[in-house]
Amino acid sequence: MQATRSVPLRQPRAASSRVARWWAKRNSILIRLLLWLFLLAFLLPFVWTVSASLKTRQELYVELPSLLTYHPTMANYSYVWRRMPAFFLQFRNSFLVTSGAVLLQVAVAALAGYAFARLRFRGRDLIFYTLILLTFVPRAGGLMAQYELMSFLHLRNSLVGLMLAFAAGVPIPIFIMRQTFINLPSAFEDAALIDGCNRFQAFLRVMLPMATGGMLVVGLFEFIR
């Protein structure tokens, strides 16, 4: 009669799974803290500007400036309203020109980025890398050409002319949108084409909504620039 020995069943590694979950949770918390720190660092100049606009002259020129405003006042805004009546017209024109230029850049970058990422045509890579090389050309080098073009189109001294001039720098937005579309899975686009969409409908209804993050990056980058 042979002797038998009972072997205990191997228990699931509950301890190791708990440790893994703890590490994952800790890493997630650290990443969120770092993102919040970066966000605060980027928001600090805007908060400082608003806080300084509400301070008196004495508070602005103290030896140790503070971010907080202990005696907020609207005197600076009333001064601008009374002494600089053209300021709000200039601010409106700047906002209109910037918004129009950003919208044009986002639209052109989305269309061109999709074409460079998804379409196959002769000279595609050559055209794209030529656009990238244009980023090394100083903007001042094309001022005379822009001036002649706006004169030919009768758009000098107009908001539309300024929008077109500022929207001309699209190589970096095109690069961002191209990389965005390259990283998107093509299966969604193929499914849309199989379901009866043409290429433009697949771009507009399927791919463009998925590229919202890239468009926000382009819009924010160009608005600040």
C-alpha atoms as a PDB file:
ATOM      1  CA  MET A   1       0.000   0.000   0.000  1.00  0.00           C
ATOM      2  CA  GLN A   2       1.572   3.213  -1.181  1.00  0.00           C
ATOM      3  CA  ALA A   3       1.687   6.229   1.071  1.00  0.00           C
ATOM      4  CA  THR A   4       0.155   9.327  -0.387  1.00  0.00           C
ATOM      5  CA  ARG A   5       0.889  12.896   0.509  1.00  0.00           C
ATOM      6  CA  SER A   6      -1.595  15.662   0.099  1.00  0.00           C
ATOM      7  CA  VAL A   7      -0.248  18.692  -1.741  1.00  0.00           C
ATOM      8  CA  PRO A   8      -1.908  21.963  -0.792  1.00  0.00           C
ATOM      9  CA  LEU A   9      -3.515  23.814  -3.645  1.00  0.00           C
ATOM     10  CA  ARG A  10      -1.701  26.913  -4.764  1.00  0.00           C
ATOM     11  CA  GLN A  11      -3.544  29.935  -3.499  1.00  0.00           C
ATOM     12  CA  PRO A  12      -4.103  32.840  -5.829  1.00  0.00           C
ATOM     13  CA  ARG A  13      -1.604  35.569  -5.492  1.00  0.00           C
ATOM     14  CA  ALA A  14      -3.893  37.957  -3.700  1.00  0.00           C
ATOM     15  CA  ALA A  15      -1.044  39.765  -2.004  1.00  0.00           C
ATOM     16  CA  SER A  16       0.820  40.440  -5.250  1.00  0.00           C
ATOM     17  CA  SER A  17      -2.357  41.661  -6.955  1.00  0.00           C
ATOM     18  CA  ARG A  18      -3.015  44.031  -4.056  1.00  0.00           C
ATOM     19  CA  VAL A  19       0.522  45.369  -4.332  1.00  0.00           C
ATOM     20  CA  ALA A  20       0.106  45.865  -8.080  1.00  0.00           C
ATOM     21  CA  ARG A  21      -3.155  47.746  -7.572  1.00  0.00           C
ATOM     22  CA  TRP A  22      -1.526  49.885  -4.877  1.00  0.00           C
ATOM     23  CA  TRP A  23       1.374  50.772  -7.173  1.00  0.00           C
ATOM     24  CA  ALA A  24      -1.000  51.584 -10.039  1.00  0.00           C
ATOM     25  CA  LYS A  25      -3.112  53.797  -7.782  1.00  0.00           C
ATOM     26  CA  ARG A  26      -0.041  55.547  -6.428  1.00  0.00           C
ATOM     27  CA  ASN A  27       1.319  56.180  -9.923  1.00  0.00           C
ATOM     28  CA  SER A  28      -2.063  57.547 -11.000  1.00  0.00           C
ATOM     29  CA  ILE A  29      -2.111  59.948  -8.043  1.00  0.00           C
ATOM     30  CA  LEU A  30       1.446  61.104  -8.778  1.00  0.00           C
ATOM     31  CA  ILE A  31       0.629  61.707 -12.437  1.00  0.00           C
ATOM     32  CA  ARG A  32      -2.431  63.733 -11.504  1.00  0.00           C
ATOM     33  CA  LEU A  33      -0.442  65.797  -9.017  1.00  0.00           C
ATOM     34  CA  LEU A  34       2.198  66.528 -11.649  1.00  0.00           C
ATOM     35  CA  LEU A  35      -0.473  67.541 -14.164  1.00  0.00           C
ATOM     36  CA  TRP A  36      -2.065  69.869 -11.606  1.00  0.00           C
ATOM     37  CA  LEU A  37       1.337  71.426 -10.891  1.00  0.00           C
ATOM     38  CA  PHE A  38       1.930  72.009 -14.600  1.00  0.00           C
ATOM     39  CA  LEU A  39      -1.553  73.512 -14.935  1.00  0.00           C
ATOM     40  CA  LEU A  40      -0.951  75.876 -12.027  1.00  0.00           C
ATOM     41  CA  ALA A  41       2.403  76.888 -13.493  1.00  0.00           C
ATOM     42  CA  PHE A  42       0.768  77.770 -16.816  1.00  0.00           C
ATOM     43  CA  LEU A  43      -2.152  79.591 -15.163  1.00  0.00           C
ATOM     44  CA  LEU A  44       0.038  81.637 -12.818  1.00  0.00           C
ATOM     45  CA  PRO A  45       0.831  84.433 -15.352  1.00  0.00           C
ATOM     46  CA  PHE A  46      -2.868  84.915 -16.142  1.00  0.00           C
ATOM     47  CA  VAL A  47      -3.856  84.942 -12.468  1.00  0.00           C
ATOM     48  CA  TRP A  48      -1.031  87.375 -11.710  1.00  0.00           C
ATOM     49  CA  THR A  49      -2.187  89.690 -14.525  1.00  0.00           C
ATOM     50  CA  VAL A  50      -5.777  89.766 -13.280  1.00  0.00           C
ATOM     51  CA  SER A  51      -4.641  90.252  -9.680  1.00  0.00           C
ATOM     52  CA  ALA A  52      -2.294  93.107 -10.643  1.00  0.00           C
ATOM     53  CA  SER A  53      -5.048  94.854 -12.600  1.00  0.00           C
ATOM     54  CA  LEU A  54      -7.154  95.028  -9.422  1.00  0.00           C
ATOM     55  CA  LYS A  55      -4.392  96.477  -7.239  1.00  0.00           C
ATOM     56  CA  THR A  56      -3.642 100.081  -6.389  1.00  0.00           C
ATOM     57  CA  ARG A  57      -0.362 101.728  -7.356  1.00  0.00           C
ATOM     58  CA  GLN A  58       0.944 101.383  -3.804  1.00  0.00           C
ATOM     59  CA  GLU A  59       0.264  97.635  -3.789  1.00  0.00           C
ATOM     60  CA  LEU A  60       1.967  97.167  -7.151  1.00  0.00           C
ATOM     61  CA  TYR A  61       5.252  98.739  -6.099  1.00  0.00           C
ATOM     62  CA  VAL A  62       5.734  97.169  -2.690  1.00  0.00           C
ATOM     63  CA  GLU A  63       9.054  95.514  -1.909  1.00  0.00           C
ATOM     64  CA  LEU A  64       7.543  92.020  -1.611  1.00  0.00           C
ATOM     65  CA  PRO A  65       4.705  91.677  -4.154  1.00  0.00           C
ATOM     66  CA  SER A  66       1.849  89.330  -3.371  1.00  0.00           C
ATOM     67  CA  LEU A  67      -0.460  87.345  -5.595  1.00  0.00           C
ATOM     68  CA  LEU A  68      -3.450  88.206  -3.418  1.00  0.00           C
ATOM     69  CA  THR A  69      -5.286  91.505  -3.711  1.00  0.00           C
ATOM     70  CA  TYR A  70      -6.301  92.800  -0.294  1.00  0.00           C
ATOM     71  CA  HIS A  71      -7.968  96.022  -1.498  1.00  0.00           C
ATOM     72  CA  PRO A  72      -9.367  95.305  -4.983  1.00  0.00           C
ATOM     73  CA  THR A  73     -10.269  98.318  -7.075  1.00  0.00           C
ATOM     74  CA  MET A  74     -11.579  98.964 -10.584  1.00  0.00           C
ATOM     75  CA  ALA A  75      -9.709 102.269 -10.892  1.00  0.00           C
ATOM     76  CA  ASN A  76      -7.327 100.897 -13.513  1.00  0.00           C
ATOM     77  CA  TYR A  77     -10.205  99.799 -15.749  1.00  0.00           C
ATOM     78  CA  SER A  78     -12.009 103.116 -15.334  1.00  0.00           C
ATOM     79  CA  TYR A  79      -8.766 104.929 -16.216  1.00  0.00           C
ATOM     80  CA  VAL A  80      -8.486 102.959 -19.450  1.00  0.00           C
ATOM     81  CA  TRP A  81     -12.165 103.636 -20.208  1.00  0.00           C
ATOM     82  CA  ARG A  82     -11.792 107.409 -19.707  1.00  0.00           C
ATOM     83  CA  ARG A  83      -8.291 108.113 -20.995  1.00  0.00           C
ATOM     84  CA  MET A  84      -7.939 105.510 -23.763  1.00  0.00           C
ATOM     85  CA  PRO A  85     -11.241 105.341 -25.673  1.00  0.00           C
ATOM     86  CA  ALA A  86      -9.589 103.546 -28.608  1.00  0.00           C
ATOM     87  CA  PHE A  87      -8.381 100.688 -26.413  1.00  0.00           C
ATOM     88  CA  PHE A  88     -11.589  98.659 -26.680  1.00  0.00           C
ATOM     89  CA  LEU A  89     -11.685  99.117 -30.457  1.00  0.00           C
ATOM     90  CA  GLN A  90      -8.113  97.865 -30.658  1.00  0.00           C
ATOM     91  CA  PHE A  91      -8.923  94.963 -28.345  1.00  0.00           C
ATOM     92  CA  ARG A  92     -11.939  94.031 -30.474  1.00  0.00           C
ATOM     93  CA  ASN A  93      -9.906  94.153 -33.680  1.00  0.00           C
ATOM     94  CA  SER A  94      -7.146  92.049 -32.121  1.00  0.00           C
ATOM     95  CA  PHE A  95      -9.656  89.469 -30.920  1.00  0.00           C
ATOM     96  CA  LEU A  96     -11.381  89.288 -34.318  1.00  0.00           C
ATOM     97  CA  VAL A  97      -8.108  88.968 -36.221  1.00  0.00           C
ATOM     98  CA  THR A  98      -6.724  86.337 -33.847  1.00  0.00           C
ATOM     99  CA  SER A  99      -9.937  84.287 -33.802  1.00  0.00           C
ATOM    100  CA  GLY A 100     -10.296  84.401 -37.582  1.00  0.00           C
ATOM    101  CA  ALA A 101      -6.664  83.433 -38.144  1.00  0.00           C
ATOM    102  CA  VAL A 102      -6.892  80.539 -35.672  1.00  0.00           C
ATOM    103  CA  LEU A 103     -10.087  79.199 -37.264  1.00  0.00           C
ATOM    104  CA  LEU A 104      -8.495  79.346 -40.714  1.00  0.00           C
ATOM    105  CA  GLN A 105      -5.365  77.592 -39.473  1.00  0.00           C
ATOM    106  CA  VAL A 106      -7.326  74.829 -37.753  1.00  0.00           C
ATOM    107  CA  ALA A 107      -9.455  74.229 -40.866  1.00  0.00           C
ATOM    108  CA  VAL A 108      -6.496  74.207 -43.265  1.00  0.00           C
ATOM    109  CA  ALA A 109      -4.360  72.092 -40.925  1.00  0.00           C
ATOM    110  CA  ALA A 110      -7.130  69.514 -40.462  1.00  0.00           C
ATOM    111  CA  LEU A 111      -7.707  69.134 -44.212  1.00  0.00           C
ATOM    112  CA  ALA A 112      -4.020  69.098 -45.133  1.00  0.00           C
ATOM    113  CA  GLY A 113      -3.057  66.880 -42.207  1.00  0.00           C
ATOM    114  CA  TYR A 114      -5.683  64.316 -43.201  1.00  0.00           C
ATOM    115  CA  ALA A 115      -4.489  64.379 -46.810  1.00  0.00           C
ATOM    116  CA  PHE A 116      -0.847  63.845 -45.837  1.00  0.00           C
ATOM    117  CA  ALA A 117      -1.769  61.087 -43.370  1.00  0.00           C
ATOM    118  CA  ARG A 118      -4.373  59.067 -45.295  1.00  0.00           C
ATOM    119  CA  LEU A 119      -4.298  59.859 -49.014  1.00  0.00           C
ATOM    120  CA  ARG A 120      -1.811  58.448 -51.495  1.00  0.00           C
ATOM    121  CA  PHE A 121      -0.680  60.831 -54.228  1.00  0.00           C
ATOM    122  CA  ARG A 122       2.505  61.584 -56.096  1.00  0.00           C
ATOM    123  CA  GLY A 123       4.900  63.903 -54.304  1.00  0.00           C
ATOM    124  CA  ARG A 124       3.085  63.658 -50.974  1.00  0.00           C
ATOM    125  CA  ASP A 125       6.179  63.232 -48.818  1.00  0.00           C
ATOM    126  CA  LEU A 126       8.158  65.808 -50.809  1.00  0.00           C
ATOM    127  CA  ILE A 127       5.451  68.440 -50.328  1.00  0.00           C
ATOM    128  CA  PHE A 128       5.109  67.640 -46.629  1.00  0.00           C
ATOM    129  CA  TYR A 129       8.835  67.835 -45.864  1.00  0.00           C
ATOM    130  CA  THR A 130       9.086  71.038 -47.892  1.00  0.00           C
ATOM    131  CA  LEU A 131       6.409  72.538 -45.638  1.00  0.00           C
ATOM    132  CA  ILE A 132       8.346  71.418 -42.578  1.00  0.00           C
ATOM    133  CA  LEU A 133      11.504  73.077 -43.923  1.00  0.00           C
ATOM    134  CA  LEU A 134       9.574  76.347 -44.242  1.00  0.00           C
ATOM    135  CA  THR A 135       9.440  76.538 -40.448  1.00  0.00           C
ATOM    136  CA  PHE A 136      13.154  77.424 -40.516  1.00  0.00           C
ATOM    137  CA  VAL A 137      12.526  80.456 -42.737  1.00  0.00           C
ATOM    138  CA  PRO A 138      12.078  83.639 -40.651  1.00  0.00           C
ATOM    139  CA  ARG A 139       8.660  85.224 -41.019  1.00  0.00           C
ATOM    140  CA  ALA A 140      10.312  88.552 -41.813  1.00  0.00           C
ATOM    141  CA  GLY A 141      11.685  86.996 -44.999  1.00  0.00           C
ATOM    142  CA  GLY A 142       8.212  86.867 -46.516  1.00  0.00           C
ATOM    143  CA  LEU A 143       6.891  90.254 -45.419  1.00  0.00           C
ATOM    144  CA  MET A 144       7.521  91.933 -48.771  1.00  0.00           C
ATOM    145  CA  ALA A 145       5.791  89.106 -50.630  1.00  0.00           C
ATOM    146  CA  GLN A 146       2.824  89.315 -48.243  1.00  0.00           C
ATOM    147  CA  TYR A 147       2.643  93.069 -48.710  1.00  0.00           C
ATOM    148  CA  GLU A 148       2.611  92.744 -52.504  1.00  0.00           C
ATOM    149  CA  LEU A 149      -0.020  90.001 -52.336  1.00  0.00           C
ATOM    150  CA  MET A 150      -2.318  92.023 -50.064  1.00  0.00           C
ATOM    151  CA  SER A 151      -1.899  95.052 -52.330  1.00  0.00           C
ATOM    152  CA  PHE A 152      -2.821  92.955 -55.360  1.00  0.00           C
ATOM    153  CA  LEU A 153      -5.919  91.602 -53.562  1.00  0.00           C
ATOM    154  CA  HIS A 154      -6.846  95.094 -52.257  1.00  0.00           C
ATOM    155  CA  LEU A 155      -6.777  93.799 -48.674  1.00  0.00           C
ATOM    156  CA  ARG A 156      -4.292  96.220 -47.142  1.00  0.00           C
ATOM    157  CA  ASN A 157      -5.466  98.017 -43.990  1.00  0.00           C
ATOM    158  CA  SER A 158      -8.290  95.509 -43.498  1.00  0.00           C
ATOM    159  CA  LEU A 159      -9.087  92.895 -40.877  1.00  0.00           C
ATOM    160  CA  VAL A 160      -9.451  90.187 -43.529  1.00  0.00           C
ATOM    161  CA  GLY A 161      -5.965  90.921 -44.829  1.00  0.00           C
ATOM    162  CA  LEU A 162      -4.527  90.636 -41.326  1.00  0.00           C
ATOM    163  CA  MET A 163      -6.364  87.346 -40.775  1.00  0.00           C
ATOM    164  CA  LEU A 164      -4.907  85.888 -43.968  1.00  0.00           C
ATOM    165  CA  ALA A 165      -1.423  87.168 -43.139  1.00  0.00           C
ATOM    166  CA  PHE A 166      -1.395  85.667 -39.644  1.00  0.00           C
ATOM    167  CA  ALA A 167      -2.999  82.425 -40.857  1.00  0.00           C
ATOM    168  CA  ALA A 168      -0.229  81.844 -43.393  1.00  0.00           C
ATOM    169  CA  GLY A 169       2.065  80.083 -40.919  1.00  0.00           C
ATOM    170  CA  VAL A 170       0.554  76.590 -41.083  1.00  0.00           C
ATOM    171  CA  PRO A 171       3.505  74.127 -41.301  1.00  0.00           C
ATOM    172  CA  ILE A 172       3.499  73.341 -37.569  1.00  0.00           C
ATOM    173  CA  PRO A 173      -0.338  73.000 -37.361  1.00  0.00           C
ATOM    174  CA  ILE A 174      -0.255  70.705 -40.410  1.00  0.00           C
ATOM    175  CA  PHE A 175       2.447  68.583 -38.769  1.00  0.00           C
ATOM    176  CA  ILE A 176       0.411  68.292 -35.548  1.00  0.00           C
ATOM    177  CA  MET A 177      -2.772  67.293 -37.386  1.00  0.00           C
ATOM    178  CA  ARG A 178      -0.919  64.837 -39.622  1.00  0.00           C
ATOM    179  CA  GLN A 179       0.504  63.047 -36.594  1.00  0.00           C
ATOM    180  CA  THR A 180      -2.951  63.087 -34.984  1.00  0.00           C
ATOM    181  CA  PHE A 181      -4.573  61.364 -37.961  1.00  0.00           C
ATOM    182  CA  ILE A 182      -1.705  58.874 -38.303  1.00  0.00           C
ATOM    183  CA  ASN A 183      -2.233  57.739 -34.703  1.00  0.00           C
ATOM    184  CA  LEU A 184      -5.979  57.218 -35.208  1.00  0.00           C
ATOM    185  CA  PRO A 185      -7.048  53.671 -36.169  1.00  0.00           C
ATOM    186  CA  SER A 186      -8.017  53.367 -39.824  1.00  0.00           C
ATOM    187  CA  ALA A 187     -10.649  50.703 -39.053  1.00  0.00           C
ATOM    188  CA  PHE A 188     -13.264  53.371 -38.278  1.00  0.00           C
ATOM    189  CA  GLU A 189     -12.626  55.067 -41.605  1.00  0.00           C
ATOM    190  CA  ASP A 190     -12.775  51.752 -43.475  1.00  0.00           C
ATOM    191  CA  ALA A 191     -16.087  50.921 -41.792  1.00  0.00           C
ATOM    192  CA  ALA A 192     -17.513  54.285 -42.848  1.00  0.00           C
ATOM    193  CA  LEU A 193     -16.398  53.723 -46.443  1.00  0.00           C
ATOM    194  CA  ILE A 194     -17.963  50.255 -46.443  1.00  0.00           C
ATOM    195  CA  ASP A 195     -21.228  51.712 -45.110  1.00  0.00           C
ATOM    196  CA  GLY A 196     -21.469  54.047 -48.101  1.00  0.00           C
ATOM    197  CA  CYS A 197     -19.647  57.211 -47.059  1.00  0.00           C
ATOM    198  CA  ASN A 198     -17.340  58.863 -49.523  1.00  0.00           C
ATOM    199  CA  ARG A 199     -13.888  60.006 -48.511  1.00  0.00           C
ATOM    200  CA  PHE A 200     -14.961  63.510 -47.446  1.00  0.00           C
ATOM    201  CA  GLN A 201     -17.933  62.198 -45.447  1.00  0.00           C
ATOM    202  CA  ALA A 202     -15.685  59.701 -43.658  1.00  0.00           C
ATOM    203  CA  PHE A 203     -13.304  62.536 -42.831  1.00  0.00           C
ATOM    204  CA  LEU A 204     -15.998  64.950 -41.690  1.00  0.00           C
ATOM    205  CA  ARG A 205     -18.252  62.569 -39.743  1.00  0.00           C
ATOM    206  CA  VAL A 206     -15.826  59.953 -38.416  1.00  0.00           C
ATOM    207  CA  MET A 207     -12.206  61.064 -38.378  1.00  0.00           C
ATOM    208  CA  LEU A 208     -12.589  64.768 -37.612  1.00  0.00           C
ATOM    209  CA  PRO A 209     -14.543  64.261 -34.342  1.00  0.00           C
ATOM    210  CA  MET A 210     -11.841  61.827 -33.216  1.00  0.00           C
ATOM    211  CA  ALA A 211      -9.164  64.459 -33.908  1.00  0.00           C
ATOM    212  CA  THR A 212     -10.698  67.070 -31.595  1.00  0.00           C
ATOM    213  CA  GLY A 213      -7.713  66.902 -29.245  1.00  0.00           C
ATOM    214  CA  GLY A 214      -5.283  67.748 -32.027  1.00  0.00           C
ATOM    215  CA  MET A 215      -7.434  70.656 -33.182  1.00  0.00           C
ATOM    216  CA  LEU A 216      -7.579  72.024 -29.636  1.00  0.00           C
ATOM    217  CA  VAL A 217      -3.790  71.844 -29.403  1.00  0.00           C
ATOM    218  CA  VAL A 218      -3.422  73.687 -32.718  1.00  0.00           C
ATOM    219  CA  GLY A 219      -5.987  76.324 -31.743  1.00  0.00           C
ATOM    220  CA  LEU A 220      -4.447  76.973 -28.333  1.00  0.00           C
ATOM    221  CA  PHE A 221      -0.894  77.015 -29.687  1.00  0.00           C
ATOM    222  CA  GLU A 222      -1.698  79.461 -32.483  1.00  0.00           C
ATOM    223  CA  PHE A 223      -3.894  81.672 -30.291  1.00  0.00           C
ATOM    224  CA  ILE A 224      -1.050  82.139 -27.809  1.00  0.00           C
ATOM    225  CA  ARG A 225       1.574  82.560 -30.531  1.00  0.00           C
END
